[in-house]
C-alpha cells in the first residue's frame, strides 16, 4: 500500500503535474489531489502499479536521453545535416501519406 505523501513525492520526482499524472492513470485531477492530501487514505493497488511503471519508464527515458546526448556530441556538422535531411524527408513523406489517406476517405 502507498499513501498520499509517497505519491506526491514520486510525482514530483518524475516532474509530473497532478494533471499529467491523472491523465496517465485515467483518473481525475481531484482524485490525485484527494489521494495526496488525505493522510488516512491509501491509493488503490492497481493505480500504484501504474505509477511504478511511470517511474521505471522515466528512468529508461533518462538513460536514453543520456545515450543520445553522448552520441550527438560525437557528431560533426556534416553528420547533423544528414540527419536533418533524413528527418525532413520522413516528415514530408508522412504528410504525403496523410493527404493520400484523406483523399481516399473523401472519395
C-alpha atoms as a PDB file:
ATOM      1  CA  UNK A   1       0.000   0.000   0.000  1.00  0.00           C
ATOM      2  CA  UNK A   2       1.117   3.521  -0.709  1.00  0.00           C
ATOM      3  CA  UNK A   3      -0.061   6.733   0.896  1.00  0.00           C
ATOM      4  CA  UNK A   4      -0.541  10.250  -0.397  1.00  0.00           C
ATOM      5  CA  UNK A   5       2.834  11.554   0.750  1.00  0.00           C
ATOM      6  CA  UNK A   6       4.644   8.841  -1.187  1.00  0.00           C
ATOM      7  CA  UNK A   7       2.506   9.525  -4.252  1.00  0.00           C
ATOM      8  CA  UNK A   8       3.266  13.250  -4.109  1.00  0.00           C
ATOM      9  CA  UNK A   9       7.000  12.606  -3.658  1.00  0.00           C
ATOM     10  CA  UNK A  10       7.028  10.212  -6.608  1.00  0.00           C
ATOM     11  CA  UNK A  11       5.024  12.612  -8.794  1.00  0.00           C
ATOM     12  CA  UNK A  12       7.424  15.457  -8.030  1.00  0.00           C
ATOM     13  CA  UNK A  13      10.479  13.258  -8.598  1.00  0.00           C
ATOM     14  CA  UNK A  14       9.046  12.430 -12.045  1.00  0.00           C
ATOM     15  CA  UNK A  15       8.403  16.161 -12.659  1.00  0.00           C
ATOM     16  CA  UNK A  16       4.721  15.493 -13.313  1.00  0.00           C
ATOM     17  CA  UNK A  17       1.846  17.833 -12.601  1.00  0.00           C
ATOM     18  CA  UNK A  18      -1.266  16.479 -10.946  1.00  0.00           C
ATOM     19  CA  UNK A  19      -2.976  16.873 -14.338  1.00  0.00           C
ATOM     20  CA  UNK A  20      -0.328  14.826 -16.163  1.00  0.00           C
ATOM     21  CA  UNK A  21      -0.404  12.085 -13.534  1.00  0.00           C
ATOM     22  CA  UNK A  22      -4.205  11.992 -13.581  1.00  0.00           C
ATOM     23  CA  UNK A  23      -4.238  11.624 -17.369  1.00  0.00           C
ATOM     24  CA  UNK A  24      -1.665   8.846 -17.322  1.00  0.00           C
ATOM     25  CA  UNK A  25      -3.602   6.927 -14.646  1.00  0.00           C
ATOM     26  CA  UNK A  26      -7.030   7.571 -16.131  1.00  0.00           C
ATOM     27  CA  UNK A  27      -8.398   9.395 -13.087  1.00  0.00           C
ATOM     28  CA  UNK A  28      -9.405  12.989 -12.415  1.00  0.00           C
ATOM     29  CA  UNK A  29      -7.174  15.728 -11.028  1.00  0.00           C
ATOM     30  CA  UNK A  30      -9.432  15.902  -7.989  1.00  0.00           C
ATOM     31  CA  UNK A  31      -8.716  12.212  -7.334  1.00  0.00           C
ATOM     32  CA  UNK A  32      -4.958  12.876  -7.387  1.00  0.00           C
ATOM     33  CA  UNK A  33      -5.478  15.879  -5.093  1.00  0.00           C
ATOM     34  CA  UNK A  34      -7.586  13.764  -2.719  1.00  0.00           C
ATOM     35  CA  UNK A  35      -5.024  10.951  -2.657  1.00  0.00           C
ATOM     36  CA  UNK A  36      -2.141  13.342  -1.988  1.00  0.00           C
ATOM     37  CA  UNK A  37      -3.893  15.316   0.735  1.00  0.00           C
ATOM     38  CA  UNK A  38      -5.680  12.674   2.796  1.00  0.00           C
ATOM     39  CA  UNK A  39      -3.097  11.067   5.026  1.00  0.00           C
ATOM     40  CA  UNK A  40      -5.518   8.370   6.154  1.00  0.00           C
ATOM     41  CA  UNK A  41      -6.238   7.120   2.649  1.00  0.00           C
ATOM     42  CA  UNK A  42      -4.220   4.593   0.709  1.00  0.00           C
ATOM     43  CA  UNK A  43      -4.024   4.604  -3.072  1.00  0.00           C
ATOM     44  CA  UNK A  44      -5.612   1.546  -4.701  1.00  0.00           C
ATOM     45  CA  UNK A  45      -3.020  -1.029  -5.760  1.00  0.00           C
ATOM     46  CA  UNK A  46      -3.934  -1.003  -9.464  1.00  0.00           C
ATOM     47  CA  UNK A  47      -3.150   2.727  -9.674  1.00  0.00           C
ATOM     48  CA  UNK A  48       0.057   2.478  -7.693  1.00  0.00           C
ATOM     49  CA  UNK A  49       1.318  -0.226 -10.061  1.00  0.00           C
ATOM     50  CA  UNK A  50       0.789   2.223 -12.929  1.00  0.00           C
ATOM     51  CA  UNK A  51       2.739   4.900 -11.040  1.00  0.00           C
ATOM     52  CA  UNK A  52       5.584   2.398 -10.603  1.00  0.00           C
ATOM     53  CA  UNK A  53       5.536   1.766 -14.371  1.00  0.00           C
ATOM     54  CA  UNK A  54       5.792   5.526 -14.971  1.00  0.00           C
ATOM     55  CA  UNK A  55       8.767   5.663 -12.625  1.00  0.00           C
ATOM     56  CA  UNK A  56      10.506   2.826 -14.484  1.00  0.00           C
ATOM     57  CA  UNK A  57       9.821   4.318 -17.905  1.00  0.00           C
ATOM     58  CA  UNK A  58      11.080   7.680 -16.655  1.00  0.00           C
ATOM     59  CA  UNK A  59      14.401   6.083 -15.659  1.00  0.00           C
ATOM     60  CA  UNK A  60      14.674   4.401 -19.051  1.00  0.00           C
ATOM     61  CA  UNK A  61      13.855   7.688 -20.749  1.00  0.00           C
ATOM     62  CA  UNK A  62      16.589   9.449 -18.777  1.00  0.00           C
ATOM     63  CA  UNK A  63      19.093   6.754 -19.754  1.00  0.00           C
ATOM     64  CA  UNK A  64      18.057   7.023 -23.398  1.00  0.00           C
ATOM     65  CA  UNK A  65      18.417  10.814 -23.321  1.00  0.00           C
ATOM     66  CA  UNK A  66      21.903  10.435 -21.855  1.00  0.00           C
ATOM     67  CA  UNK A  67      22.934   7.978 -24.580  1.00  0.00           C
ATOM     68  CA  UNK A  68      21.508  10.199 -27.319  1.00  0.00           C
ATOM     69  CA  UNK A  69      23.223  13.231 -25.853  1.00  0.00           C
ATOM     70  CA  UNK A  70      26.564  11.440 -25.876  1.00  0.00           C
ATOM     71  CA  UNK A  71      26.005  10.296 -29.461  1.00  0.00           C
ATOM     72  CA  UNK A  72      25.068  13.798 -30.612  1.00  0.00           C
ATOM     73  CA  UNK A  73      28.220  15.230 -29.034  1.00  0.00           C
ATOM     74  CA  UNK A  74      30.270  12.902 -31.208  1.00  0.00           C
ATOM     75  CA  UNK A  75      28.635  14.000 -34.480  1.00  0.00           C
ATOM     76  CA  UNK A  76      30.181  16.617 -36.717  1.00  0.00           C
ATOM     77  CA  UNK A  77      28.287  19.291 -38.639  1.00  0.00           C
ATOM     78  CA  UNK A  78      28.016  17.182 -41.794  1.00  0.00           C
ATOM     79  CA  UNK A  79      26.500  14.278 -39.849  1.00  0.00           C
ATOM     80  CA  UNK A  80      23.934  16.612 -38.309  1.00  0.00           C
ATOM     81  CA  UNK A  81      22.970  17.985 -41.729  1.00  0.00           C
ATOM     82  CA  UNK A  82      22.455  14.428 -43.000  1.00  0.00           C
ATOM     83  CA  UNK A  83      20.235  13.615 -40.027  1.00  0.00           C
ATOM     84  CA  UNK A  84      18.173  16.766 -40.554  1.00  0.00           C
ATOM     85  CA  UNK A  85      17.693  15.896 -44.238  1.00  0.00           C
ATOM     86  CA  UNK A  86      16.518  12.390 -43.348  1.00  0.00           C
ATOM     87  CA  UNK A  87      14.043  13.750 -40.807  1.00  0.00           C
ATOM     88  CA  UNK A  88      12.713  16.344 -43.253  1.00  0.00           C
ATOM     89  CA  UNK A  89      12.161  13.658 -45.917  1.00  0.00           C
ATOM     90  CA  UNK A  90      10.311  11.431 -43.454  1.00  0.00           C
ATOM     91  CA  UNK A  91       8.124  14.301 -42.310  1.00  0.00           C
ATOM     92  CA  UNK A  92       7.310  15.166 -45.926  1.00  0.00           C
ATOM     93  CA  UNK A  93       6.558  11.502 -46.741  1.00  0.00           C
ATOM     94  CA  UNK A  94       4.284  11.339 -43.718  1.00  0.00           C
ATOM     95  CA  UNK A  95       2.399  14.428 -44.886  1.00  0.00           C
ATOM     96  CA  UNK A  96       2.010  12.929 -48.360  1.00  0.00           C
ATOM     97  CA  UNK A  97       0.655   9.675 -46.943  1.00  0.00           C
ATOM     98  CA  UNK A  98      -1.783  11.557 -44.702  1.00  0.00           C
ATOM     99  CA  UNK A  99      -3.001  13.604 -47.674  1.00  0.00           C
ATOM    100  CA  UNK A 100      -3.488  10.425 -49.713  1.00  0.00           C
ATOM    101  CA  UNK A 101      -5.452   8.817 -46.875  1.00  0.00           C
ATOM    102  CA  UNK A 102      -7.607  11.919 -46.630  1.00  0.00           C
ATOM    103  CA  UNK A 103      -8.346  11.861 -50.347  1.00  0.00           C
ATOM    104  CA  UNK A 104      -9.334   8.179 -50.163  1.00  0.00           C
ATOM    105  CA  UNK A 105     -11.775   8.911 -47.337  1.00  0.00           C
ATOM    106  CA  UNK A 106     -13.392  11.731 -49.314  1.00  0.00           C
ATOM    107  CA  UNK A 107     -13.846   9.588 -52.437  1.00  0.00           C
END
